[in-house]
Amino acid sequence: MSLQKKGNAIPQHNSQPATDWLDLVREKVSSLRFGVVQIVVHDSKVTQIERTEKTRLSHEQKDSRET
């Protein structure tokens, strides 16, 4: 939805500079080996960036039922 002003359509939301949050997302992703980066949006604006890291263990656990 947009507002009309002197014949021009003006969006109701102000766009935030993409470089601010994009740089932060790139930083979070580049420092992550396994995990998730989530972007939270409210009213068409990025309000939060969450990073969840998972640690994978390299050793294999043997099934105790095997002999």
PDB file of N, CA and C in Angstrom:
ATOM      1  N   MET A   1       0.843  -1.169   0.000  1.00  0.00           N
ATOM      2  CA  MET A   1       0.000   0.000   0.000  1.00  0.00           C
ATOM      3  C   MET A   1       0.887   1.230   0.000  1.00  0.00           C
ATOM      4  N   SER A   2       0.477   2.284  -0.671  1.00  0.00           N
ATOM      5  CA  SER A   2       1.298   3.485  -0.741  1.00  0.00           C
ATOM      6  C   SER A   2       0.443   4.734  -0.598  1.00  0.00           C
ATOM      7  N   LEU A   3       1.075   5.833  -0.236  1.00  0.00           N
ATOM      8  CA  LEU A   3       0.411   7.126  -0.108  1.00  0.00           C
ATOM      9  C   LEU A   3       0.613   7.919  -1.385  1.00  0.00           C
ATOM     10  N   GLN A   4      -0.348   8.740  -1.721  1.00  0.00           N
ATOM     11  CA  GLN A   4      -0.229   9.590  -2.908  1.00  0.00           C
ATOM     12  C   GLN A   4       0.144  11.004  -2.475  1.00  0.00           C
ATOM     13  N   LYS A   5       1.170  11.558  -3.084  1.00  0.00           N
ATOM     14  CA  LYS A   5       1.573  12.929  -2.800  1.00  0.00           C
ATOM     15  C   LYS A   5       1.981  13.575  -4.113  1.00  0.00           C
ATOM     16  N   LYS A   6       1.214  14.553  -4.548  1.00  0.00           N
ATOM     17  CA  LYS A   6       1.462  15.264  -5.808  1.00  0.00           C
ATOM     18  C   LYS A   6       1.612  14.293  -6.973  1.00  0.00           C
ATOM     19  N   GLY A   7       0.793  13.254  -6.986  1.00  0.00           N
ATOM     20  CA  GLY A   7       0.797  12.329  -8.115  1.00  0.00           C
ATOM     21  C   GLY A   7       1.853  11.243  -8.053  1.00  0.00           C
ATOM     22  N   ASN A   8       2.744  11.280  -7.073  1.00  0.00           N
ATOM     23  CA  ASN A   8       3.796  10.265  -6.957  1.00  0.00           C
ATOM     24  C   ASN A   8       3.454   9.284  -5.849  1.00  0.00           C
ATOM     25  N   ALA A   9       3.693   8.021  -6.097  1.00  0.00           N
ATOM     26  CA  ALA A   9       3.460   7.001  -5.073  1.00  0.00           C
ATOM     27  C   ALA A   9       4.647   6.973  -4.121  1.00  0.00           C
ATOM     28  N   ILE A  10       4.369   7.053  -2.821  1.00  0.00           N
ATOM     29  CA  ILE A  10       5.411   7.025  -1.806  1.00  0.00           C
ATOM     30  C   ILE A  10       5.158   5.818  -0.912  1.00  0.00           C
ATOM     31  N   PRO A  11       6.108   4.900  -0.807  1.00  0.00           N
ATOM     32  CA  PRO A  11       5.907   3.735   0.060  1.00  0.00           C
ATOM     33  C   PRO A  11       5.737   4.168   1.511  1.00  0.00           C
ATOM     34  N   GLN A  12       4.938   3.410   2.275  1.00  0.00           N
ATOM     35  CA  GLN A  12       4.694   3.750   3.672  1.00  0.00           C
ATOM     36  C   GLN A  12       5.877   3.441   4.571  1.00  0.00           C
ATOM     37  N   HIS A  13       6.732   2.532   4.191  1.00  0.00           N
ATOM     38  CA  HIS A  13       7.874   2.191   5.032  1.00  0.00           C
ATOM     39  C   HIS A  13       9.151   2.796   4.466  1.00  0.00           C
ATOM     40  N   ASN A  14      10.030   3.166   5.355  1.00  0.00           N
ATOM     41  CA  ASN A  14      11.337   3.678   4.943  1.00  0.00           C
ATOM     42  C   ASN A  14      12.295   2.508   4.859  1.00  0.00           C
ATOM     43  N   SER A  15      13.007   2.434   3.771  1.00  0.00           N
ATOM     44  CA  SER A  15      13.954   1.346   3.571  1.00  0.00           C
ATOM     45  C   SER A  15      15.245   1.665   4.316  1.00  0.00           C
ATOM     46  N   GLN A  16      15.735   0.701   5.106  1.00  0.00           N
ATOM     47  CA  GLN A  16      16.993   0.922   5.793  1.00  0.00           C
ATOM     48  C   GLN A  16      18.131   0.576   4.850  1.00  0.00           C
ATOM     49  N   PRO A  17      19.288   1.185   5.042  1.00  0.00           N
ATOM     50  CA  PRO A  17      20.418   0.866   4.167  1.00  0.00           C
ATOM     51  C   PRO A  17      20.736  -0.623   4.220  1.00  0.00           C
ATOM     52  N   ALA A  18      20.773  -1.244   3.071  1.00  0.00           N
ATOM     53  CA  ALA A  18      20.989  -2.692   3.003  1.00  0.00           C
ATOM     54  C   ALA A  18      22.372  -3.080   3.494  1.00  0.00           C
ATOM     55  N   THR A  19      23.354  -2.208   3.317  1.00  0.00           N
ATOM     56  CA  THR A  19      24.721  -2.575   3.687  1.00  0.00           C
ATOM     57  C   THR A  19      24.878  -2.799   5.181  1.00  0.00           C
ATOM     58  N   ASP A  20      24.096  -2.114   6.011  1.00  0.00           N
ATOM     59  CA  ASP A  20      24.213  -2.276   7.462  1.00  0.00           C
ATOM     60  C   ASP A  20      23.980  -3.724   7.876  1.00  0.00           C
ATOM     61  N   TRP A  21      22.813  -4.257   7.548  1.00  0.00           N
ATOM     62  CA  TRP A  21      22.494  -5.607   7.993  1.00  0.00           C
ATOM     63  C   TRP A  21      23.103  -6.667   7.089  1.00  0.00           C
ATOM     64  N   LEU A  22      23.310  -6.361   5.815  1.00  0.00           N
ATOM     65  CA  LEU A  22      23.939  -7.340   4.924  1.00  0.00           C
ATOM     66  C   LEU A  22      25.377  -7.619   5.346  1.00  0.00           C
ATOM     67  N   ASP A  23      26.103  -6.578   5.731  1.00  0.00           N
ATOM     68  CA  ASP A  23      27.473  -6.778   6.207  1.00  0.00           C
ATOM     69  C   ASP A  23      27.493  -7.640   7.463  1.00  0.00           C
ATOM     70  N   LEU A  24      26.543  -7.416   8.341  1.00  0.00           N
ATOM     71  CA  LEU A  24      26.464  -8.205   9.568  1.00  0.00           C
ATOM     72  C   LEU A  24      26.126  -9.667   9.268  1.00  0.00           C
ATOM     73  N   VAL A  25      25.217  -9.895   8.332  1.00  0.00           N
ATOM     74  CA  VAL A  25      24.869 -11.269   7.938  1.00  0.00           C
ATOM     75  C   VAL A  25      26.078 -11.953   7.310  1.00  0.00           C
ATOM     76  N   ARG A  26      26.786 -11.254   6.443  1.00  0.00           N
ATOM     77  CA  ARG A  26      27.989 -11.834   5.819  1.00  0.00           C
ATOM     78  C   ARG A  26      29.022 -12.217   6.876  1.00  0.00           C
ATOM     79  N   GLU A  27      29.197 -11.356   7.865  1.00  0.00           N
ATOM     80  CA  GLU A  27      30.142 -11.632   8.950  1.00  0.00           C
ATOM     81  C   GLU A  27      29.725 -12.876   9.730  1.00  0.00           C
ATOM     82  N   LYS A  28      28.440 -12.972  10.056  1.00  0.00           N
ATOM     83  CA  LYS A  28      27.936 -14.124  10.809  1.00  0.00           C
ATOM     84  C   LYS A  28      28.096 -15.418  10.017  1.00  0.00           C
ATOM     85  N   VAL A  29      27.793 -15.379   8.725  1.00  0.00           N
ATOM     86  CA  VAL A  29      27.881 -16.575   7.879  1.00  0.00           C
ATOM     87  C   VAL A  29      29.337 -16.989   7.684  1.00  0.00           C
ATOM     88  N   SER A  30      30.225 -16.024   7.457  1.00  0.00           N
ATOM     89  CA  SER A  30      31.620 -16.364   7.179  1.00  0.00           C
ATOM     90  C   SER A  30      32.330 -16.969   8.391  1.00  0.00           C
ATOM     91  N   SER A  31      31.859 -16.670   9.595  1.00  0.00           N
ATOM     92  CA  SER A  31      32.492 -17.221  10.792  1.00  0.00           C
ATOM     93  C   SER A  31      31.798 -18.492  11.282  1.00  0.00           C
ATOM     94  N   LEU A  32      30.888 -19.018  10.492  1.00  0.00           N
ATOM     95  CA  LEU A  32      30.084 -20.170  10.892  1.00  0.00           C
ATOM     96  C   LEU A  32      30.422 -21.376  10.024  1.00  0.00           C
ATOM     97  N   ARG A  33      30.725 -22.502  10.658  1.00  0.00           N
ATOM     98  CA  ARG A  33      30.992 -23.712   9.880  1.00  0.00           C
ATOM     99  C   ARG A  33      29.731 -24.548   9.713  1.00  0.00           C
ATOM    100  N   PHE A  34      29.025 -24.812  10.815  1.00  0.00           N
ATOM    101  CA  PHE A  34      27.748 -25.522  10.788  1.00  0.00           C
ATOM    102  C   PHE A  34      26.767 -24.723  11.620  1.00  0.00           C
ATOM    103  N   GLY A  35      25.593 -24.459  11.095  1.00  0.00           N
ATOM    104  CA  GLY A  35      24.600 -23.754  11.885  1.00  0.00           C
ATOM    105  C   GLY A  35      23.601 -22.997  11.045  1.00  0.00           C
ATOM    106  N   VAL A  36      22.968 -22.012  11.688  1.00  0.00           N
ATOM    107  CA  VAL A  36      21.869 -21.269  11.072  1.00  0.00           C
ATOM    108  C   VAL A  36      22.045 -19.784  11.355  1.00  0.00           C
ATOM    109  N   VAL A  37      21.784 -18.955  10.347  1.00  0.00           N
ATOM    110  CA  VAL A  37      21.684 -17.513  10.537  1.00  0.00           C
ATOM    111  C   VAL A  37      20.260 -17.133  10.168  1.00  0.00           C
ATOM    112  N   GLN A  38      19.522 -16.557  11.126  1.00  0.00           N
ATOM    113  CA  GLN A  38      18.131 -16.157  10.898  1.00  0.00           C
ATOM    114  C   GLN A  38      18.037 -14.644  10.867  1.00  0.00           C
ATOM    115  N   ILE A  39      17.212 -14.138   9.958  1.00  0.00           N
ATOM    116  CA  ILE A  39      16.953 -12.706   9.853  1.00  0.00           C
ATOM    117  C   ILE A  39      15.510 -12.476  10.276  1.00  0.00           C
ATOM    118  N   VAL A  40      15.311 -11.640  11.295  1.00  0.00           N
ATOM    119  CA  VAL A  40      13.978 -11.333  11.804  1.00  0.00           C
ATOM    120  C   VAL A  40      13.557  -9.979  11.254  1.00  0.00           C
ATOM    121  N   VAL A  41      12.333  -9.922  10.693  1.00  0.00           N
ATOM    122  CA  VAL A  41      11.825  -8.707  10.053  1.00  0.00           C
ATOM    123  C   VAL A  41      10.535  -8.267  10.729  1.00  0.00           C
ATOM    124  N   HIS A  42      10.417  -6.974  11.024  1.00  0.00           N
ATOM    125  CA  HIS A  42       9.195  -6.362  11.548  1.00  0.00           C
ATOM    126  C   HIS A  42       8.919  -5.108  10.742  1.00  0.00           C
ATOM    127  N   ASP A  43       7.704  -4.977  10.238  1.00  0.00           N
ATOM    128  CA  ASP A  43       7.304  -3.805   9.439  1.00  0.00           C
ATOM    129  C   ASP A  43       8.282  -3.539   8.301  1.00  0.00           C
ATOM    130  N   SER A  44       8.660  -4.583   7.593  1.00  0.00           N
ATOM    131  CA  SER A  44       9.548  -4.505   6.432  1.00  0.00           C
ATOM    132  C   SER A  44      10.960  -4.043   6.766  1.00  0.00           C
ATOM    133  N   LYS A  45      11.353  -4.131   8.030  1.00  0.00           N
ATOM    134  CA  LYS A  45      12.707  -3.746   8.439  1.00  0.00           C
ATOM    135  C   LYS A  45      13.362  -4.902   9.178  1.00  0.00           C
ATOM    136  N   VAL A  46      14.634  -5.115   8.894  1.00  0.00           N
ATOM    137  CA  VAL A  46      15.392  -6.131   9.611  1.00  0.00           C
ATOM    138  C   VAL A  46      15.634  -5.606  11.020  1.00  0.00           C
ATOM    139  N   THR A  47      15.155  -6.352  12.015  1.00  0.00           N
ATOM    140  CA  THR A  47      15.275  -5.903  13.401  1.00  0.00           C
ATOM    141  C   THR A  47      16.227  -6.759  14.228  1.00  0.00           C
ATOM    142  N   GLN A  48      16.519  -7.963  13.743  1.00  0.00           N
ATOM    143  CA  GLN A  48      17.338  -8.870  14.543  1.00  0.00           C
ATOM    144  C   GLN A  48      17.993  -9.895  13.642  1.00  0.00           C
ATOM    145  N   ILE A  49      19.219 -10.256  13.983  1.00  0.00           N
ATOM    146  CA  ILE A  49      19.935 -11.314  13.279  1.00  0.00           C
ATOM    147  C   ILE A  49      20.398 -12.307  14.333  1.00  0.00           C
ATOM    148  N   GLU A  50      20.007 -13.565  14.161  1.00  0.00           N
ATOM    149  CA  GLU A  50      20.345 -14.610  15.126  1.00  0.00           C
ATOM    150  C   GLU A  50      21.282 -15.616  14.480  1.00  0.00           C
ATOM    151  N   ARG A  51      22.282 -16.041  15.240  1.00  0.00           N
ATOM    152  CA  ARG A  51      23.247 -17.019  14.754  1.00  0.00           C
ATOM    153  C   ARG A  51      23.272 -18.181  15.730  1.00  0.00           C
ATOM    154  N   THR A  52      23.019 -19.386  15.224  1.00  0.00           N
ATOM    155  CA  THR A  52      23.064 -20.598  16.039  1.00  0.00           C
ATOM    156  C   THR A  52      24.151 -21.495  15.468  1.00  0.00           C
ATOM    157  N   GLU A  53      25.147 -21.793  16.283  1.00  0.00           N
ATOM    158  CA  GLU A  53      26.255 -22.626  15.822  1.00  0.00           C
ATOM    159  C   GLU A  53      26.093 -24.042  16.339  1.00  0.00           C
ATOM    160  N   LYS A  54      26.382 -25.000  15.473  1.00  0.00           N
ATOM    161  CA  LYS A  54      26.332 -26.411  15.853  1.00  0.00           C
ATOM    162  C   LYS A  54      27.757 -26.950  15.843  1.00  0.00           C
ATOM    163  N   THR A  55      28.065 -27.775  16.810  1.00  0.00           N
ATOM    164  CA  THR A  55      29.380 -28.400  16.875  1.00  0.00           C
ATOM    165  C   THR A  55      29.223 -29.864  16.511  1.00  0.00           C
ATOM    166  N   ARG A  56      29.914 -30.262  15.465  1.00  0.00           N
ATOM    167  CA  ARG A  56      29.849 -31.658  15.023  1.00  0.00           C
ATOM    168  C   ARG A  56      31.059 -32.401  15.563  1.00  0.00           C
ATOM    169  N   LEU A  57      30.807 -33.535  16.157  1.00  0.00           N
ATOM    170  CA  LEU A  57      31.882 -34.355  16.695  1.00  0.00           C
ATOM    171  C   LEU A  57      32.369 -35.297  15.612  1.00  0.00           C
ATOM    172  N   SER A  58      33.687 -35.420  15.491  1.00  0.00           N
ATOM    173  CA  SER A  58      34.245 -36.212  14.399  1.00  0.00           C
ATOM    174  C   SER A  58      34.342 -37.696  14.719  1.00  0.00           C
ATOM    175  N   HIS A  59      34.358 -38.070  15.987  1.00  0.00           N
ATOM    176  CA  HIS A  59      34.474 -39.493  16.323  1.00  0.00           C
ATOM    177  C   HIS A  59      33.125 -40.186  16.162  1.00  0.00           C
ATOM    178  N   GLU A  60      33.192 -41.435  15.754  1.00  0.00           N
ATOM    179  CA  GLU A  60      31.974 -42.218  15.570  1.00  0.00           C
ATOM    180  C   GLU A  60      31.703 -43.020  16.830  1.00  0.00           C
ATOM    181  N   GLN A  61      30.473 -43.038  17.246  1.00  0.00           N
ATOM    182  CA  GLN A  61      30.100 -43.842  18.404  1.00  0.00           C
ATOM    183  C   GLN A  61      29.599 -45.191  17.901  1.00  0.00           C
ATOM    184  N   LYS A  62      30.162 -46.263  18.455  1.00  0.00           N
ATOM    185  CA  LYS A  62      29.743 -47.603  18.049  1.00  0.00           C
ATOM    186  C   LYS A  62      28.466 -47.970  18.769  1.00  0.00           C
ATOM    187  N   ASP A  63      27.626 -48.688  18.071  1.00  0.00           N
ATOM    188  CA  ASP A  63      26.380 -49.173  18.653  1.00  0.00           C
ATOM    189  C   ASP A  63      26.726 -50.225  19.709  1.00  0.00           C
ATOM    190  N   SER A  64      26.233 -50.067  20.928  1.00  0.00           N
ATOM    191  CA  SER A  64      26.558 -50.993  22.022  1.00  0.00           C
ATOM    192  C   SER A  64      25.995 -52.391  21.786  1.00  0.00           C
ATOM    193  N   ARG A  65      25.055 -52.521  20.860  1.00  0.00           N
ATOM    194  CA  ARG A  65      24.477 -53.834  20.567  1.00  0.00           C
ATOM    195  C   ARG A  65      25.383 -54.657  19.670  1.00  0.00           C
ATOM    196  N   GLU A  66      26.340 -54.014  18.998  1.00  0.00           N
ATOM    197  CA  GLU A  66      27.236 -54.748  18.109  1.00  0.00           C
ATOM    198  C   GLU A  66      28.312 -55.464  18.917  1.00  0.00           C
ATOM    199  N   THR A  67      28.752 -56.629  18.449  1.00  0.00           N
ATOM    200  CA  THR A  67      29.809 -57.372  19.138  1.00  0.00           C
ATOM    201  C   THR A  67      30.977 -57.604  18.240  1.00  0.00           C
TER     202      THR A  67
END
